[in-house]
Amino acid sequence: MNIEYQAPEISQLDDGEGRFGTELKRTKAVFLASTAKSMVVLDELSEGTTFEEKMETSANVLNGFYQKGNNTILI
């Protein structure tokens, strides 16, 4: 079993993506690295968006990890 962790890194926002874009790229990398046997911890997903966008994005991301079959925690 491996543990994958995604948390915001404010210092890494110099790539022109902005906070939301940077978080999505990091979440995608965690998703691709995870397996059904992974423990995934996502911290502050979709910050910098509206409440509605945050809820919709979070639900979609969690659904993707659920379909992969791993254990995912959203903080």
PDB file of N, CA and C in Angstrom:
ATOM      1  N   MET A   1       0.850  -1.181   0.000  1.00  0.00           N
ATOM      2  CA  MET A   1       0.000   0.000   0.000  1.00  0.00           C
ATOM      3  C   MET A   1       0.891   1.238   0.000  1.00  0.00           C
ATOM      4  N   ASN A   2       0.548   2.221  -0.800  1.00  0.00           N
ATOM      5  CA  ASN A   2       1.268   3.483  -0.795  1.00  0.00           C
ATOM      6  C   ASN A   2       0.324   4.607  -0.370  1.00  0.00           C
ATOM      7  N   ILE A   3       0.910   5.677   0.131  1.00  0.00           N
ATOM      8  CA  ILE A   3       0.141   6.842   0.564  1.00  0.00           C
ATOM      9  C   ILE A   3       0.465   7.994  -0.368  1.00  0.00           C
ATOM     10  N   GLU A   4      -0.567   8.605  -0.922  1.00  0.00           N
ATOM     11  CA  GLU A   4      -0.438   9.774  -1.791  1.00  0.00           C
ATOM     12  C   GLU A   4      -1.048  10.958  -1.068  1.00  0.00           C
ATOM     13  N   TYR A   5      -0.374  12.105  -1.100  1.00  0.00           N
ATOM     14  CA  TYR A   5      -0.825  13.277  -0.354  1.00  0.00           C
ATOM     15  C   TYR A   5      -0.772  14.509  -1.240  1.00  0.00           C
ATOM     16  N   GLN A   6      -1.844  15.267  -1.245  1.00  0.00           N
ATOM     17  CA  GLN A   6      -1.912  16.519  -2.003  1.00  0.00           C
ATOM     18  C   GLN A   6      -2.273  17.626  -1.037  1.00  0.00           C
ATOM     19  N   ALA A   7      -1.442  18.653  -0.981  1.00  0.00           N
ATOM     20  CA  ALA A   7      -1.715  19.835  -0.157  1.00  0.00           C
ATOM     21  C   ALA A   7      -1.262  21.067  -0.939  1.00  0.00           C
ATOM     22  N   PRO A   8      -1.906  22.198  -0.702  1.00  0.00           N
ATOM     23  CA  PRO A   8      -1.513  23.406  -1.433  1.00  0.00           C
ATOM     24  C   PRO A   8      -0.097  23.840  -1.084  1.00  0.00           C
ATOM     25  N   GLU A   9       0.630  24.276  -2.098  1.00  0.00           N
ATOM     26  CA  GLU A   9       1.960  24.845  -1.912  1.00  0.00           C
ATOM     27  C   GLU A   9       1.948  26.226  -2.542  1.00  0.00           C
ATOM     28  N   ILE A  10       1.709  27.222  -1.735  1.00  0.00           N
ATOM     29  CA  ILE A  10       1.588  28.590  -2.221  1.00  0.00           C
ATOM     30  C   ILE A  10       2.851  29.043  -2.933  1.00  0.00           C
ATOM     31  N   SER A  11       3.997  28.578  -2.486  1.00  0.00           N
ATOM     32  CA  SER A  11       5.265  29.002  -3.080  1.00  0.00           C
ATOM     33  C   SER A  11       5.447  28.495  -4.508  1.00  0.00           C
ATOM     34  N   GLN A  12       4.623  27.586  -4.963  1.00  0.00           N
ATOM     35  CA  GLN A  12       4.770  26.992  -6.290  1.00  0.00           C
ATOM     36  C   GLN A  12       3.796  27.580  -7.314  1.00  0.00           C
ATOM     37  N   LEU A  13       3.331  28.800  -7.087  1.00  0.00           N
ATOM     38  CA  LEU A  13       2.327  29.381  -7.984  1.00  0.00           C
ATOM     39  C   LEU A  13       2.932  30.227  -9.101  1.00  0.00           C
ATOM     40  N   ASP A  14       4.200  30.097  -9.370  1.00  0.00           N
ATOM     41  CA  ASP A  14       4.851  30.920 -10.384  1.00  0.00           C
ATOM     42  C   ASP A  14       4.736  30.354 -11.794  1.00  0.00           C
ATOM     43  N   ASP A  15       3.945  29.318 -11.987  1.00  0.00           N
ATOM     44  CA  ASP A  15       3.838  28.689 -13.306  1.00  0.00           C
ATOM     45  C   ASP A  15       2.731  29.281 -14.169  1.00  0.00           C
ATOM     46  N   GLY A  16       2.052  30.336 -13.692  1.00  0.00           N
ATOM     47  CA  GLY A  16       1.007  30.981 -14.481  1.00  0.00           C
ATOM     48  C   GLY A  16      -0.346  30.312 -14.401  1.00  0.00           C
ATOM     49  N   GLU A  17      -0.462  29.244 -13.653  1.00  0.00           N
ATOM     50  CA  GLU A  17      -1.713  28.502 -13.544  1.00  0.00           C
ATOM     51  C   GLU A  17      -2.655  29.090 -12.502  1.00  0.00           C
ATOM     52  N   GLY A  18      -2.144  29.796 -11.531  1.00  0.00           N
ATOM     53  CA  GLY A  18      -2.968  30.237 -10.414  1.00  0.00           C
ATOM     54  C   GLY A  18      -3.142  29.103  -9.430  1.00  0.00           C
ATOM     55  N   ARG A  19      -3.709  29.421  -8.287  1.00  0.00           N
ATOM     56  CA  ARG A  19      -3.833  28.412  -7.229  1.00  0.00           C
ATOM     57  C   ARG A  19      -4.715  27.235  -7.655  1.00  0.00           C
ATOM     58  N   PHE A  20      -5.871  27.524  -8.236  1.00  0.00           N
ATOM     59  CA  PHE A  20      -6.788  26.456  -8.629  1.00  0.00           C
ATOM     60  C   PHE A  20      -6.160  25.543  -9.688  1.00  0.00           C
ATOM     61  N   GLY A  21      -5.553  26.129 -10.698  1.00  0.00           N
ATOM     62  CA  GLY A  21      -4.916  25.339 -11.750  1.00  0.00           C
ATOM     63  C   GLY A  21      -3.773  24.492 -11.224  1.00  0.00           C
ATOM     64  N   THR A  22      -2.980  25.070 -10.315  1.00  0.00           N
ATOM     65  CA  THR A  22      -1.878  24.335  -9.711  1.00  0.00           C
ATOM     66  C   THR A  22      -2.396  23.166  -8.894  1.00  0.00           C
ATOM     67  N   GLU A  23      -3.463  23.388  -8.123  1.00  0.00           N
ATOM     68  CA  GLU A  23      -4.046  22.300  -7.332  1.00  0.00           C
ATOM     69  C   GLU A  23      -4.589  21.195  -8.220  1.00  0.00           C
ATOM     70  N   LEU A  24      -5.228  21.561  -9.320  1.00  0.00           N
ATOM     71  CA  LEU A  24      -5.752  20.537 -10.230  1.00  0.00           C
ATOM     72  C   LEU A  24      -4.630  19.700 -10.837  1.00  0.00           C
ATOM     73  N   LYS A  25      -3.528  20.339 -11.203  1.00  0.00           N
ATOM     74  CA  LYS A  25      -2.390  19.605 -11.758  1.00  0.00           C
ATOM     75  C   LYS A  25      -1.811  18.643 -10.724  1.00  0.00           C
ATOM     76  N   ARG A  26      -1.696  19.089  -9.490  1.00  0.00           N
ATOM     77  CA  ARG A  26      -1.155  18.236  -8.433  1.00  0.00           C
ATOM     78  C   ARG A  26      -2.124  17.101  -8.110  1.00  0.00           C
ATOM     79  N   THR A  27      -3.429  17.396  -8.112  1.00  0.00           N
ATOM     80  CA  THR A  27      -4.427  16.357  -7.845  1.00  0.00           C
ATOM     81  C   THR A  27      -4.410  15.317  -8.960  1.00  0.00           C
ATOM     82  N   LYS A  28      -4.255  15.755 -10.191  1.00  0.00           N
ATOM     83  CA  LYS A  28      -4.162  14.815 -11.319  1.00  0.00           C
ATOM     84  C   LYS A  28      -2.952  13.907 -11.161  1.00  0.00           C
ATOM     85  N   ALA A  29      -1.822  14.469 -10.752  1.00  0.00           N
ATOM     86  CA  ALA A  29      -0.615  13.665 -10.560  1.00  0.00           C
ATOM     87  C   ALA A  29      -0.839  12.618  -9.468  1.00  0.00           C
ATOM     88  N   VAL A  30      -1.510  13.006  -8.381  1.00  0.00           N
ATOM     89  CA  VAL A  30      -1.820  12.062  -7.301  1.00  0.00           C
ATOM     90  C   VAL A  30      -2.763  10.982  -7.825  1.00  0.00           C
ATOM     91  N   PHE A  31      -3.770  11.383  -8.596  1.00  0.00           N
ATOM     92  CA  PHE A  31      -4.726  10.422  -9.152  1.00  0.00           C
ATOM     93  C   PHE A  31      -4.021   9.393 -10.027  1.00  0.00           C
ATOM     94  N   LEU A  32      -3.145   9.859 -10.896  1.00  0.00           N
ATOM     95  CA  LEU A  32      -2.446   8.950 -11.800  1.00  0.00           C
ATOM     96  C   LEU A  32      -1.467   8.042 -11.059  1.00  0.00           C
ATOM     97  N   ALA A  33      -0.908   8.516  -9.955  1.00  0.00           N
ATOM     98  CA  ALA A  33       0.045   7.708  -9.180  1.00  0.00           C
ATOM     99  C   ALA A  33      -0.635   6.716  -8.252  1.00  0.00           C
ATOM    100  N   SER A  34      -1.902   6.942  -7.955  1.00  0.00           N
ATOM    101  CA  SER A  34      -2.594   6.079  -6.992  1.00  0.00           C
ATOM    102  C   SER A  34      -3.097   4.800  -7.647  1.00  0.00           C
ATOM    103  N   THR A  35      -3.293   3.794  -6.793  1.00  0.00           N
ATOM    104  CA  THR A  35      -3.847   2.515  -7.228  1.00  0.00           C
ATOM    105  C   THR A  35      -5.013   2.177  -6.304  1.00  0.00           C
ATOM    106  N   ALA A  36      -5.651   1.058  -6.549  1.00  0.00           N
ATOM    107  CA  ALA A  36      -6.749   0.624  -5.691  1.00  0.00           C
ATOM    108  C   ALA A  36      -6.276   0.358  -4.259  1.00  0.00           C
ATOM    109  N   LYS A  37      -4.991   0.134  -4.080  1.00  0.00           N
ATOM    110  CA  LYS A  37      -4.442  -0.145  -2.753  1.00  0.00           C
ATOM    111  C   LYS A  37      -3.874   1.102  -2.076  1.00  0.00           C
ATOM    112  N   SER A  38      -4.052   2.262  -2.670  1.00  0.00           N
ATOM    113  CA  SER A  38      -3.499   3.501  -2.126  1.00  0.00           C
ATOM    114  C   SER A  38      -4.399   4.116  -1.069  1.00  0.00           C
ATOM    115  N   MET A  39      -3.760   4.842  -0.169  1.00  0.00           N
ATOM    116  CA  MET A  39      -4.461   5.743   0.747  1.00  0.00           C
ATOM    117  C   MET A  39      -4.173   7.140   0.218  1.00  0.00           C
ATOM    118  N   VAL A  40      -5.214   7.881  -0.127  1.00  0.00           N
ATOM    119  CA  VAL A  40      -5.057   9.212  -0.705  1.00  0.00           C
ATOM    120  C   VAL A  40      -5.597  10.247   0.276  1.00  0.00           C
ATOM    121  N   VAL A  41      -4.793  11.273   0.540  1.00  0.00           N
ATOM    122  CA  VAL A  41      -5.204  12.374   1.408  1.00  0.00           C
ATOM    123  C   VAL A  41      -5.151  13.647   0.581  1.00  0.00           C
ATOM    124  N   LEU A  42      -6.295  14.311   0.463  1.00  0.00           N
ATOM    125  CA  LEU A  42      -6.402  15.570  -0.276  1.00  0.00           C
ATOM    126  C   LEU A  42      -6.685  16.685   0.722  1.00  0.00           C
ATOM    127  N   ASP A  43      -5.881  17.722   0.695  1.00  0.00           N
ATOM    128  CA  ASP A  43      -6.009  18.821   1.639  1.00  0.00           C
ATOM    129  C   ASP A  43      -6.373  20.100   0.889  1.00  0.00           C
ATOM    130  N   GLU A  44      -7.459  20.728   1.294  1.00  0.00           N
ATOM    131  CA  GLU A  44      -7.921  22.003   0.730  1.00  0.00           C
ATOM    132  C   GLU A  44      -8.080  21.957  -0.783  1.00  0.00           C
ATOM    133  N   LEU A  45      -8.884  21.052  -1.244  1.00  0.00           N
ATOM    134  CA  LEU A  45      -9.148  20.918  -2.672  1.00  0.00           C
ATOM    135  C   LEU A  45     -10.010  22.072  -3.170  1.00  0.00           C
ATOM    136  N   SER A  46      -9.660  22.641  -4.287  1.00  0.00           N
ATOM    137  CA  SER A  46     -10.438  23.681  -4.980  1.00  0.00           C
ATOM    138  C   SER A  46     -10.498  25.009  -4.239  1.00  0.00           C
ATOM    139  N   GLU A  47      -9.460  25.362  -3.522  1.00  0.00           N
ATOM    140  CA  GLU A  47      -9.414  26.677  -2.883  1.00  0.00           C
ATOM    141  C   GLU A  47      -9.324  27.746  -3.967  1.00  0.00           C
ATOM    142  N   GLY A  48      -9.836  28.908  -3.676  1.00  0.00           N
ATOM    143  CA  GLY A  48      -9.791  29.999  -4.639  1.00  0.00           C
ATOM    144  C   GLY A  48     -10.956  29.995  -5.609  1.00  0.00           C
ATOM    145  N   THR A  49     -11.967  29.174  -5.352  1.00  0.00           N
ATOM    146  CA  THR A  49     -13.161  29.132  -6.190  1.00  0.00           C
ATOM    147  C   THR A  49     -14.373  29.466  -5.324  1.00  0.00           C
ATOM    148  N   THR A  50     -15.520  29.568  -5.953  1.00  0.00           N
ATOM    149  CA  THR A  50     -16.745  29.810  -5.188  1.00  0.00           C
ATOM    150  C   THR A  50     -17.126  28.537  -4.439  1.00  0.00           C
ATOM    151  N   PHE A  51     -18.006  28.662  -3.471  1.00  0.00           N
ATOM    152  CA  PHE A  51     -18.454  27.502  -2.704  1.00  0.00           C
ATOM    153  C   PHE A  51     -19.072  26.453  -3.628  1.00  0.00           C
ATOM    154  N   GLU A  52     -19.904  26.883  -4.566  1.00  0.00           N
ATOM    155  CA  GLU A  52     -20.565  25.951  -5.475  1.00  0.00           C
ATOM    156  C   GLU A  52     -19.551  25.208  -6.353  1.00  0.00           C
ATOM    157  N   GLU A  53     -18.575  25.961  -6.880  1.00  0.00           N
ATOM    158  CA  GLU A  53     -17.543  25.332  -7.708  1.00  0.00           C
ATOM    159  C   GLU A  53     -16.697  24.357  -6.882  1.00  0.00           C
ATOM    160  N   LYS A  54     -16.402  24.749  -5.656  1.00  0.00           N
ATOM    161  CA  LYS A  54     -15.614  23.891  -4.776  1.00  0.00           C
ATOM    162  C   LYS A  54     -16.344  22.582  -4.502  1.00  0.00           C
ATOM    163  N   MET A  55     -17.638  22.661  -4.209  1.00  0.00           N
ATOM    164  CA  MET A  55     -18.416  21.457  -3.921  1.00  0.00           C
ATOM    165  C   MET A  55     -18.513  20.554  -5.155  1.00  0.00           C
ATOM    166  N   GLU A  56     -18.779  21.144  -6.313  1.00  0.00           N
ATOM    167  CA  GLU A  56     -18.904  20.355  -7.546  1.00  0.00           C
ATOM    168  C   GLU A  56     -17.576  19.705  -7.917  1.00  0.00           C
ATOM    169  N   THR A  57     -16.497  20.475  -7.871  1.00  0.00           N
ATOM    170  CA  THR A  57     -15.180  19.938  -8.210  1.00  0.00           C
ATOM    171  C   THR A  57     -14.778  18.841  -7.233  1.00  0.00           C
ATOM    172  N   SER A  58     -14.986  19.092  -5.951  1.00  0.00           N
ATOM    173  CA  SER A  58     -14.637  18.101  -4.926  1.00  0.00           C
ATOM    174  C   SER A  58     -15.412  16.807  -5.131  1.00  0.00           C
ATOM    175  N   ALA A  59     -16.700  16.905  -5.418  1.00  0.00           N
ATOM    176  CA  ALA A  59     -17.517  15.713  -5.648  1.00  0.00           C
ATOM    177  C   ALA A  59     -17.011  14.936  -6.861  1.00  0.00           C
ATOM    178  N   ASN A  60     -16.674  15.633  -7.931  1.00  0.00           N
ATOM    179  CA  ASN A  60     -16.173  14.965  -9.134  1.00  0.00           C
ATOM    180  C   ASN A  60     -14.833  14.282  -8.887  1.00  0.00           C
ATOM    181  N   VAL A  61     -13.936  14.975  -8.188  1.00  0.00           N
ATOM    182  CA  VAL A  61     -12.625  14.401  -7.896  1.00  0.00           C
ATOM    183  C   VAL A  61     -12.770  13.177  -6.992  1.00  0.00           C
ATOM    184  N   LEU A  62     -13.563  13.302  -5.937  1.00  0.00           N
ATOM    185  CA  LEU A  62     -13.765  12.174  -5.020  1.00  0.00           C
ATOM    186  C   LEU A  62     -14.404  10.987  -5.733  1.00  0.00           C
ATOM    187  N   ASN A  63     -15.318  11.251  -6.654  1.00  0.00           N
ATOM    188  CA  ASN A  63     -15.939  10.178  -7.422  1.00  0.00           C
ATOM    189  C   ASN A  63     -14.898   9.433  -8.268  1.00  0.00           C
ATOM    190  N   GLY A  64     -13.963  10.175  -8.857  1.00  0.00           N
ATOM    191  CA  GLY A  64     -12.909   9.539  -9.642  1.00  0.00           C
ATOM    192  C   GLY A  64     -12.048   8.624  -8.795  1.00  0.00           C
ATOM    193  N   PHE A  65     -11.656   9.093  -7.609  1.00  0.00           N
ATOM    194  CA  PHE A  65     -10.867   8.251  -6.708  1.00  0.00           C
ATOM    195  C   PHE A  65     -11.697   7.060  -6.228  1.00  0.00           C
ATOM    196  N   TYR A  66     -12.987   7.271  -5.984  1.00  0.00           N
ATOM    197  CA  TYR A  66     -13.870   6.175  -5.558  1.00  0.00           C
ATOM    198  C   TYR A  66     -13.922   5.093  -6.631  1.00  0.00           C
ATOM    199  N   GLN A  67     -14.044   5.505  -7.884  1.00  0.00           N
ATOM    200  CA  GLN A  67     -14.103   4.546  -8.973  1.00  0.00           C
ATOM    201  C   GLN A  67     -12.797   3.764  -9.114  1.00  0.00           C
ATOM    202  N   LYS A  68     -11.700   4.375  -8.707  1.00  0.00           N
ATOM    203  CA  LYS A  68     -10.420   3.674  -8.716  1.00  0.00           C
ATOM    204  C   LYS A  68     -10.345   2.624  -7.613  1.00  0.00           C
ATOM    205  N   GLY A  69     -11.151   2.801  -6.579  1.00  0.00           N
ATOM    206  CA  GLY A  69     -11.243   1.810  -5.523  1.00  0.00           C
ATOM    207  C   GLY A  69     -10.314   2.014  -4.349  1.00  0.00           C
ATOM    208  N   ASN A  70      -9.664   3.178  -4.258  1.00  0.00           N
ATOM    209  CA  ASN A  70      -8.760   3.395  -3.132  1.00  0.00           C
ATOM    210  C   ASN A  70      -9.468   4.098  -1.978  1.00  0.00           C
ATOM    211  N   ASN A  71      -8.778   4.237  -0.874  1.00  0.00           N
ATOM    212  CA  ASN A  71      -9.299   4.967   0.283  1.00  0.00           C
ATOM    213  C   ASN A  71      -8.868   6.420   0.151  1.00  0.00           C
ATOM    214  N   THR A  72      -9.826   7.330   0.153  1.00  0.00           N
ATOM    215  CA  THR A  72      -9.531   8.736  -0.040  1.00  0.00           C
ATOM    216  C   THR A  72     -10.132   9.558   1.086  1.00  0.00           C
ATOM    217  N   ILE A  73      -9.334  10.469   1.622  1.00  0.00           N
ATOM    218  CA  ILE A  73      -9.778  11.378   2.666  1.00  0.00           C
ATOM    219  C   ILE A  73      -9.619  12.793   2.145  1.00  0.00           C
ATOM    220  N   LEU A  74     -10.673  13.592   2.247  1.00  0.00           N
ATOM    221  CA  LEU A  74     -10.628  15.006   1.882  1.00  0.00           C
ATOM    222  C   LEU A  74     -10.688  15.824   3.153  1.00  0.00           C
ATOM    223  N   ILE A  75      -9.657  16.617   3.372  1.00  0.00           N
ATOM    224  CA  ILE A  75      -9.594  17.462   4.561  1.00  0.00           C
ATOM    225  C   ILE A  75     -10.034  18.861   4.190  1.00  0.00           C
TER     226      ILE A  75
END
